[in-house]
C-alpha atoms as a PDB file:
ATOM      1  CA  UNK A   1    -155.021 154.562  68.871  1.00  0.00           C
ATOM      2  CA  UNK A   2    -151.853 153.061  69.692  1.00  0.00           C
ATOM      3  CA  UNK A   3    -149.314 152.552  66.597  1.00  0.00           C
ATOM      4  CA  UNK A   4    -146.952 149.637  66.582  1.00  0.00           C
ATOM      5  CA  UNK A   5    -143.939 148.928  64.305  1.00  0.00           C
ATOM      6  CA  UNK A   6    -144.189 146.763  61.508  1.00  0.00           C
ATOM      7  CA  UNK A   7    -140.667 145.129  61.879  1.00  0.00           C
ATOM      8  CA  UNK A   8    -140.577 144.255  65.200  1.00  0.00           C
ATOM      9  CA  UNK A   9    -144.353 144.637  66.514  1.00  0.00           C
ATOM     10  CA  UNK A  10    -142.961 147.416  69.155  1.00  0.00           C
ATOM     11  CA  UNK A  11    -145.246 149.882  70.887  1.00  0.00           C
ATOM     12  CA  UNK A  12    -144.470 153.317  69.005  1.00  0.00           C
ATOM     13  CA  UNK A  13    -144.235 156.843  70.653  1.00  0.00           C
ATOM     14  CA  UNK A  14    -146.128 159.694  69.013  1.00  0.00           C
ATOM     15  CA  UNK A  15    -143.844 161.270  66.133  1.00  0.00           C
ATOM     16  CA  UNK A  16    -140.799 158.925  66.404  1.00  0.00           C
ATOM     17  CA  UNK A  17    -139.711 155.824  64.809  1.00  0.00           C
ATOM     18  CA  UNK A  18    -138.786 152.847  65.765  1.00  0.00           C
ATOM     19  CA  UNK A  19    -135.026 151.988  66.864  1.00  0.00           C
ATOM     20  CA  UNK A  20    -135.190 148.538  65.986  1.00  0.00           C
ATOM     21  CA  UNK A  21    -133.484 149.247  62.422  1.00  0.00           C
ATOM     22  CA  UNK A  22    -130.712 150.613  64.017  1.00  0.00           C
ATOM     23  CA  UNK A  23    -130.073 148.201  66.454  1.00  0.00           C
ATOM     24  CA  UNK A  24    -130.152 145.665  63.798  1.00  0.00           C
ATOM     25  CA  UNK A  25    -127.585 147.700  61.874  1.00  0.00           C
ATOM     26  CA  UNK A  26    -125.313 147.982  65.188  1.00  0.00           C
ATOM     27  CA  UNK A  27    -125.508 144.033  65.534  1.00  0.00           C
ATOM     28  CA  UNK A  28    -124.404 143.274  62.116  1.00  0.00           C
ATOM     29  CA  UNK A  29    -121.700 145.806  62.114  1.00  0.00           C
ATOM     30  CA  UNK A  30    -120.250 143.996  65.334  1.00  0.00           C
ATOM     31  CA  UNK A  31    -120.663 140.643  63.682  1.00  0.00           C
ATOM     32  CA  UNK A  32    -118.760 142.014  60.528  1.00  0.00           C
ATOM     33  CA  UNK A  33    -115.904 143.199  62.835  1.00  0.00           C
ATOM     34  CA  UNK A  34    -115.505 139.619  64.617  1.00  0.00           C
ATOM     35  CA  UNK A  35    -116.046 138.111  61.387  1.00  0.00           C
ATOM     36  CA  UNK A  36    -113.056 139.845  60.188  1.00  0.00           C
ATOM     37  CA  UNK A  37    -110.954 139.403  63.172  1.00  0.00           C
ATOM     38  CA  UNK A  38    -111.386 135.990  63.377  1.00  0.00           C
ATOM     39  CA  UNK A  39    -110.697 135.618  59.662  1.00  0.00           C
ATOM     40  CA  UNK A  40    -107.169 137.402  60.546  1.00  0.00           C
ATOM     41  CA  UNK A  41    -106.323 135.423  63.022  1.00  0.00           C
ATOM     42  CA  UNK A  42    -107.279 132.068  60.869  1.00  0.00           C
ATOM     43  CA  UNK A  43    -104.754 133.278  58.404  1.00  0.00           C
ATOM     44  CA  UNK A  44    -102.062 134.221  60.526  1.00  0.00           C
ATOM     45  CA  UNK A  45    -102.060 130.564  62.393  1.00  0.00           C
ATOM     46  CA  UNK A  46    -102.615 129.045  58.766  1.00  0.00           C
ATOM     47  CA  UNK A  47     -99.528 131.057  57.307  1.00  0.00           C
ATOM     48  CA  UNK A  48     -97.407 130.230  60.317  1.00  0.00           C
ATOM     49  CA  UNK A  49     -97.986 126.637  59.610  1.00  0.00           C
ATOM     50  CA  UNK A  50     -97.493 126.862  55.689  1.00  0.00           C
ATOM     51  CA  UNK A  51     -94.221 129.613  55.900  1.00  0.00           C
ATOM     52  CA  UNK A  52     -92.636 126.400  57.578  1.00  0.00           C
ATOM     53  CA  UNK A  53     -93.708 123.284  56.100  1.00  0.00           C
ATOM     54  CA  UNK A  54     -94.739 124.892  52.385  1.00  0.00           C
ATOM     55  CA  UNK A  55     -92.803 127.672  51.979  1.00  0.00           C
ATOM     56  CA  UNK A  56     -93.238 128.453  48.682  1.00  0.00           C
ATOM     57  CA  UNK A  57     -97.014 127.623  48.240  1.00  0.00           C
ATOM     58  CA  UNK A  58     -97.886 129.660  51.439  1.00  0.00           C
ATOM     59  CA  UNK A  59     -95.543 132.890  49.729  1.00  0.00           C
ATOM     60  CA  UNK A  60     -97.981 132.595  46.359  1.00  0.00           C
ATOM     61  CA  UNK A  61    -100.882 132.285  48.998  1.00  0.00           C
ATOM     62  CA  UNK A  62    -100.449 135.124  50.792  1.00  0.00           C
ATOM     63  CA  UNK A  63     -98.125 137.568  48.570  1.00  0.00           C
ATOM     64  CA  UNK A  64    -101.361 139.188  47.339  1.00  0.00           C
ATOM     65  CA  UNK A  65    -102.438 143.103  47.448  1.00  0.00           C
ATOM     66  CA  UNK A  66    -105.986 141.523  49.302  1.00  0.00           C
ATOM     67  CA  UNK A  67    -103.851 140.279  52.101  1.00  0.00           C
ATOM     68  CA  UNK A  68    -102.136 143.951  52.569  1.00  0.00           C
ATOM     69  CA  UNK A  69    -103.944 144.528  55.835  1.00  0.00           C
ATOM     70  CA  UNK A  70    -102.766 141.235  57.322  1.00  0.00           C
ATOM     71  CA  UNK A  71     -99.315 141.443  56.237  1.00  0.00           C
ATOM     72  CA  UNK A  72     -98.977 144.952  58.152  1.00  0.00           C
ATOM     73  CA  UNK A  73    -100.179 142.899  61.400  1.00  0.00           C
ATOM     74  CA  UNK A  74     -97.542 140.181  60.404  1.00  0.00           C
ATOM     75  CA  UNK A  75     -94.818 142.621  60.234  1.00  0.00           C
ATOM     76  CA  UNK A  76     -96.131 144.259  63.350  1.00  0.00           C
ATOM     77  CA  UNK A  77     -96.124 141.601  65.459  1.00  0.00           C
ATOM     78  CA  UNK A  78     -92.444 140.636  63.951  1.00  0.00           C
ATOM     79  CA  UNK A  79     -91.063 144.288  65.056  1.00  0.00           C
ATOM     80  CA  UNK A  80     -92.562 143.986  68.254  1.00  0.00           C
ATOM     81  CA  UNK A  81     -90.800 140.625  68.993  1.00  0.00           C
ATOM     82  CA  UNK A  82     -87.324 141.826  67.105  1.00  0.00           C
ATOM     83  CA  UNK A  83     -87.475 145.033  69.442  1.00  0.00           C
ATOM     84  CA  UNK A  84     -87.613 143.037  72.632  1.00  0.00           C
ATOM     85  CA  UNK A  85     -84.733 140.559  71.150  1.00  0.00           C
ATOM     86  CA  UNK A  86     -82.710 143.683  70.775  1.00  0.00           C
ATOM     87  CA  UNK A  87     -83.785 144.854  74.474  1.00  0.00           C
ATOM     88  CA  UNK A  88     -82.893 141.767  75.906  1.00  0.00           C
ATOM     89  CA  UNK A  89     -79.808 141.338  73.964  1.00  0.00           C
ATOM     90  CA  UNK A  90     -78.238 145.018  74.505  1.00  0.00           C
ATOM     91  CA  UNK A  91     -78.712 143.333  78.519  1.00  0.00           C
ATOM     92  CA  UNK A  92     -76.918 140.173  77.899  1.00  0.00           C
ATOM     93  CA  UNK A  93     -73.978 141.462  75.386  1.00  0.00           C
ATOM     94  CA  UNK A  94     -72.202 143.053  78.200  1.00  0.00           C
ATOM     95  CA  UNK A  95     -71.322 139.086  79.163  1.00  0.00           C
ATOM     96  CA  UNK A  96     -70.581 138.402  75.673  1.00  0.00           C
ATOM     97  CA  UNK A  97     -67.986 141.236  75.168  1.00  0.00           C
ATOM     98  CA  UNK A  98     -66.439 140.296  78.799  1.00  0.00           C
ATOM     99  CA  UNK A  99     -65.909 136.377  77.504  1.00  0.00           C
ATOM    100  CA  UNK A 100     -64.258 137.713  74.247  1.00  0.00           C
ATOM    101  CA  UNK A 101     -62.020 140.157  76.144  1.00  0.00           C
ATOM    102  CA  UNK A 102     -61.300 137.742  78.691  1.00  0.00           C
ATOM    103  CA  UNK A 103     -62.568 139.407  81.488  1.00  0.00           C
ATOM    104  CA  UNK A 104     -65.805 136.710  81.711  1.00  0.00           C
ATOM    105  CA  UNK A 105     -65.037 135.698  85.425  1.00  0.00           C
ATOM    106  CA  UNK A 106     -64.878 139.209  86.689  1.00  0.00           C
ATOM    107  CA  UNK A 107     -67.757 140.578  84.952  1.00  0.00           C
ATOM    108  CA  UNK A 108     -69.861 137.034  85.218  1.00  0.00           C
ATOM    109  CA  UNK A 109     -72.373 139.072  87.652  1.00  0.00           C
ATOM    110  CA  UNK A 110     -72.164 142.097  86.195  1.00  0.00           C
ATOM    111  CA  UNK A 111     -75.461 143.656  84.962  1.00  0.00           C
ATOM    112  CA  UNK A 112     -76.614 146.837  82.698  1.00  0.00           C
ATOM    113  CA  UNK A 113     -79.527 149.001  82.925  1.00  0.00           C
ATOM    114  CA  UNK A 114     -80.801 149.373  79.559  1.00  0.00           C
ATOM    115  CA  UNK A 115     -83.282 151.976  78.980  1.00  0.00           C
ATOM    116  CA  UNK A 116     -86.495 151.288  77.474  1.00  0.00           C
ATOM    117  CA  UNK A 117     -85.943 153.661  74.734  1.00  0.00           C
ATOM    118  CA  UNK A 118     -83.891 151.220  73.140  1.00  0.00           C
ATOM    119  CA  UNK A 119     -86.949 148.969  72.794  1.00  0.00           C
ATOM    120  CA  UNK A 120     -89.112 151.698  71.006  1.00  0.00           C
ATOM    121  CA  UNK A 121     -85.634 152.669  68.712  1.00  0.00           C
ATOM    122  CA  UNK A 122     -85.423 148.916  67.788  1.00  0.00           C
ATOM    123  CA  UNK A 123     -89.005 148.708  66.840  1.00  0.00           C
ATOM    124  CA  UNK A 124     -89.290 152.142  64.550  1.00  0.00           C
ATOM    125  CA  UNK A 125     -86.170 150.897  62.839  1.00  0.00           C
ATOM    126  CA  UNK A 126     -87.600 147.084  62.162  1.00  0.00           C
ATOM    127  CA  UNK A 127     -90.777 149.282  60.578  1.00  0.00           C
ATOM    128  CA  UNK A 128     -88.635 151.198  58.541  1.00  0.00           C
ATOM    129  CA  UNK A 129     -86.574 148.208  57.449  1.00  0.00           C
ATOM    130  CA  UNK A 130     -89.658 146.619  56.250  1.00  0.00           C
ATOM    131  CA  UNK A 131     -91.268 149.537  54.242  1.00  0.00           C
ATOM    132  CA  UNK A 132     -88.204 150.584  53.055  1.00  0.00           C
ATOM    133  CA  UNK A 133     -87.258 147.225  51.295  1.00  0.00           C
ATOM    134  CA  UNK A 134     -90.676 147.033  50.084  1.00  0.00           C
ATOM    135  CA  UNK A 135     -90.654 150.635  49.255  1.00  0.00           C
ATOM    136  CA  UNK A 136     -87.616 150.025  46.873  1.00  0.00           C
ATOM    137  CA  UNK A 137     -88.340 146.958  45.469  1.00  0.00           C
ATOM    138  CA  UNK A 138     -91.632 148.381  44.081  1.00  0.00           C
ATOM    139  CA  UNK A 139     -89.743 151.752  43.151  1.00  0.00           C
ATOM    140  CA  UNK A 140     -86.788 149.868  40.695  1.00  0.00           C
ATOM    141  CA  UNK A 141     -89.524 147.601  39.373  1.00  0.00           C
ATOM    142  CA  UNK A 142     -91.953 150.530  38.293  1.00  0.00           C
ATOM    143  CA  UNK A 143     -89.885 153.450  38.125  1.00  0.00           C
ATOM    144  CA  UNK A 144     -86.096 152.396  37.044  1.00  0.00           C
ATOM    145  CA  UNK A 145     -87.260 149.165  35.142  1.00  0.00           C
ATOM    146  CA  UNK A 146     -90.583 150.130  33.792  1.00  0.00           C
ATOM    147  CA  UNK A 147     -91.929 146.636  34.559  1.00  0.00           C
ATOM    148  CA  UNK A 148     -95.592 146.705  36.409  1.00  0.00           C
ATOM    149  CA  UNK A 149     -95.108 145.821  40.340  1.00  0.00           C
ATOM    150  CA  UNK A 150     -97.695 145.663  43.132  1.00  0.00           C
ATOM    151  CA  UNK A 151     -96.456 147.323  46.294  1.00  0.00           C
ATOM    152  CA  UNK A 152     -99.413 145.501  48.422  1.00  0.00           C
ATOM    153  CA  UNK A 153     -98.081 142.148  47.115  1.00  0.00           C
ATOM    154  CA  UNK A 154     -94.471 142.924  48.134  1.00  0.00           C
ATOM    155  CA  UNK A 155     -95.506 144.080  51.670  1.00  0.00           C
ATOM    156  CA  UNK A 156     -97.504 140.790  51.414  1.00  0.00           C
ATOM    157  CA  UNK A 157     -94.506 138.748  50.587  1.00  0.00           C
ATOM    158  CA  UNK A 158     -92.530 140.205  53.567  1.00  0.00           C
ATOM    159  CA  UNK A 159     -95.223 139.584  55.869  1.00  0.00           C
ATOM    160  CA  UNK A 160     -95.780 136.396  55.348  1.00  0.00           C
ATOM    161  CA  UNK A 161     -91.864 135.376  55.876  1.00  0.00           C
ATOM    162  CA  UNK A 162     -92.059 137.601  58.878  1.00  0.00           C
ATOM    163  CA  UNK A 163     -94.141 134.806  60.690  1.00  0.00           C
ATOM    164  CA  UNK A 164     -90.780 132.538  60.086  1.00  0.00           C
ATOM    165  CA  UNK A 165     -88.551 135.366  61.728  1.00  0.00           C
ATOM    166  CA  UNK A 166     -91.346 135.916  64.339  1.00  0.00           C
ATOM    167  CA  UNK A 167     -90.627 132.311  65.578  1.00  0.00           C
ATOM    168  CA  UNK A 168     -87.150 131.787  65.317  1.00  0.00           C
ATOM    169  CA  UNK A 169     -86.703 135.278  66.952  1.00  0.00           C
ATOM    170  CA  UNK A 170     -88.940 134.378  70.204  1.00  0.00           C
ATOM    171  CA  UNK A 171     -86.670 130.685  70.172  1.00  0.00           C
ATOM    172  CA  UNK A 172     -83.420 133.068  69.962  1.00  0.00           C
ATOM    173  CA  UNK A 173     -85.223 135.223  73.142  1.00  0.00           C
ATOM    174  CA  UNK A 174     -85.427 131.532  74.756  1.00  0.00           C
ATOM    175  CA  UNK A 175     -81.701 130.826  74.044  1.00  0.00           C
ATOM    176  CA  UNK A 176     -80.443 134.167  75.499  1.00  0.00           C
ATOM    177  CA  UNK A 177     -80.933 132.769  78.691  1.00  0.00           C
ATOM    178  CA  UNK A 178     -79.199 129.497  78.085  1.00  0.00           C
ATOM    179  CA  UNK A 179     -75.909 130.689  75.854  1.00  0.00           C
ATOM    180  CA  UNK A 180     -75.580 134.251  73.833  1.00  0.00           C
ATOM    181  CA  UNK A 181     -74.070 132.130  71.062  1.00  0.00           C
ATOM    182  CA  UNK A 182     -76.785 129.777  70.400  1.00  0.00           C
ATOM    183  CA  UNK A 183     -79.040 132.767  70.405  1.00  0.00           C
ATOM    184  CA  UNK A 184     -76.815 134.383  67.768  1.00  0.00           C
ATOM    185  CA  UNK A 185     -76.746 131.082  65.972  1.00  0.00           C
ATOM    186  CA  UNK A 186     -80.496 130.701  65.599  1.00  0.00           C
ATOM    187  CA  UNK A 187     -80.703 133.989  64.159  1.00  0.00           C
ATOM    188  CA  UNK A 188     -77.758 133.879  61.725  1.00  0.00           C
ATOM    189  CA  UNK A 189     -79.630 130.286  60.421  1.00  0.00           C
ATOM    190  CA  UNK A 190     -82.728 131.921  60.205  1.00  0.00           C
ATOM    191  CA  UNK A 191     -81.505 134.827  58.489  1.00  0.00           C
ATOM    192  CA  UNK A 192     -80.143 132.859  55.536  1.00  0.00           C
ATOM    193  CA  UNK A 193     -82.992 131.218  55.205  1.00  0.00           C
ATOM    194  CA  UNK A 194     -85.493 134.412  55.517  1.00  0.00           C
ATOM    195  CA  UNK A 195     -83.241 135.772  52.616  1.00  0.00           C
ATOM    196  CA  UNK A 196     -83.685 132.591  50.566  1.00  0.00           C
ATOM    197  CA  UNK A 197     -87.387 132.625  51.070  1.00  0.00           C
ATOM    198  CA  UNK A 198     -87.891 136.286  50.152  1.00  0.00           C
ATOM    199  CA  UNK A 199     -85.730 135.966  47.316  1.00  0.00           C
ATOM    200  CA  UNK A 200     -87.681 133.024  46.090  1.00  0.00           C
ATOM    201  CA  UNK A 201     -91.056 134.895  46.665  1.00  0.00           C
ATOM    202  CA  UNK A 202     -89.537 137.720  45.164  1.00  0.00           C
ATOM    203  CA  UNK A 203     -88.762 135.840  41.634  1.00  0.00           C
ATOM    204  CA  UNK A 204     -92.720 134.786  41.599  1.00  0.00           C
ATOM    205  CA  UNK A 205     -94.203 138.142  42.220  1.00  0.00           C
ATOM    206  CA  UNK A 206     -91.498 140.364  40.267  1.00  0.00           C
ATOM    207  CA  UNK A 207     -92.228 141.272  36.453  1.00  0.00           C
ATOM    208  CA  UNK A 208     -88.622 141.757  35.772  1.00  0.00           C
ATOM    209  CA  UNK A 209     -85.724 140.104  33.714  1.00  0.00           C
ATOM    210  CA  UNK A 210     -84.983 136.944  36.088  1.00  0.00           C
ATOM    211  CA  UNK A 211     -81.802 137.561  34.785  1.00  0.00           C
ATOM    212  CA  UNK A 212     -81.684 140.424  36.548  1.00  0.00           C
ATOM    213  CA  UNK A 213     -83.549 139.835  39.700  1.00  0.00           C
ATOM    214  CA  UNK A 214     -80.684 138.902  41.835  1.00  0.00           C
ATOM    215  CA  UNK A 215     -79.338 142.201  41.150  1.00  0.00           C
ATOM    216  CA  UNK A 216     -82.048 144.321  41.863  1.00  0.00           C
ATOM    217  CA  UNK A 217     -82.830 142.147  45.164  1.00  0.00           C
ATOM    218  CA  UNK A 218     -79.269 142.560  46.466  1.00  0.00           C
ATOM    219  CA  UNK A 219     -79.109 146.245  45.322  1.00  0.00           C
ATOM    220  CA  UNK A 220     -82.315 147.159  47.197  1.00  0.00           C
ATOM    221  CA  UNK A 221     -81.567 144.676  50.502  1.00  0.00           C
ATOM    222  CA  UNK A 222     -78.289 146.545  50.865  1.00  0.00           C
ATOM    223  CA  UNK A 223     -79.370 150.269  50.726  1.00  0.00           C
ATOM    224  CA  UNK A 224     -82.235 149.318  53.177  1.00  0.00           C
ATOM    225  CA  UNK A 225     -79.328 147.990  55.415  1.00  0.00           C
ATOM    226  CA  UNK A 226     -77.257 150.981  54.643  1.00  0.00           C
ATOM    227  CA  UNK A 227     -80.470 153.415  55.728  1.00  0.00           C
ATOM    228  CA  UNK A 228     -81.432 151.655  58.943  1.00  0.00           C
ATOM    229  CA  UNK A 229     -78.208 150.643  60.249  1.00  0.00           C
ATOM    230  CA  UNK A 230     -76.402 153.853  59.342  1.00  0.00           C
ATOM    231  CA  UNK A 231     -78.822 156.670  58.284  1.00  0.00           C
ATOM    232  CA  UNK A 232     -81.065 156.204  60.708  1.00  0.00           C
ATOM    233  CA  UNK A 233     -78.883 155.967  63.836  1.00  0.00           C
ATOM    234  CA  UNK A 234     -77.662 159.250  62.864  1.00  0.00           C
ATOM    235  CA  UNK A 235     -80.728 161.068  62.823  1.00  0.00           C
ATOM    236  CA  UNK A 236     -81.660 159.856  65.959  1.00  0.00           C
ATOM    237  CA  UNK A 237     -78.460 159.980  67.846  1.00  0.00           C
END
């Protein structure tokens, strides 16, 4: 006598269980992955809007350990865009140097073949910068000052602010093809705002004496710049 599955009603082969539960599990897992991807996209868009309109409130919302994976995505996209700017700027810098030296008219049509390795190196340096800064802030707070701090929260802070620099860097890339100086000015202004936002966020999540916050942040930032701008080039040269 033929047997049928009690769950889906499918006719069963002798001695073999029905595969309906396995199929159902695969569907559920696919829906969970899809939902997670949608959450990341929605959070990214929400953070993108908030960091320009309500930066303090947005940092409070996203500088959390639960947003760690999202922060890595934000930092990764920012590193990709920033590396692209460095690569394109390296090509355009010849004209800038020529104009500063007074040979702009002679080198107007001169172009430089920049190896694509520059892009990957710039991406690596940006990634090291974020993790070095986050790690140093965490280390100083936890080890040196004996105050609890959450590394994931700090990375969340860096991640949400990376959205700001991602947009401004895209604007700077467009500006490169208009005027190199405009691109430099855009990045300079964006850099100041970025530092102000990061510092504000750090004062909110750091459990240290507020009188020492500026010193801790400045020390960690300077050390990070030294590592990225001096030590890493020495290693990879």
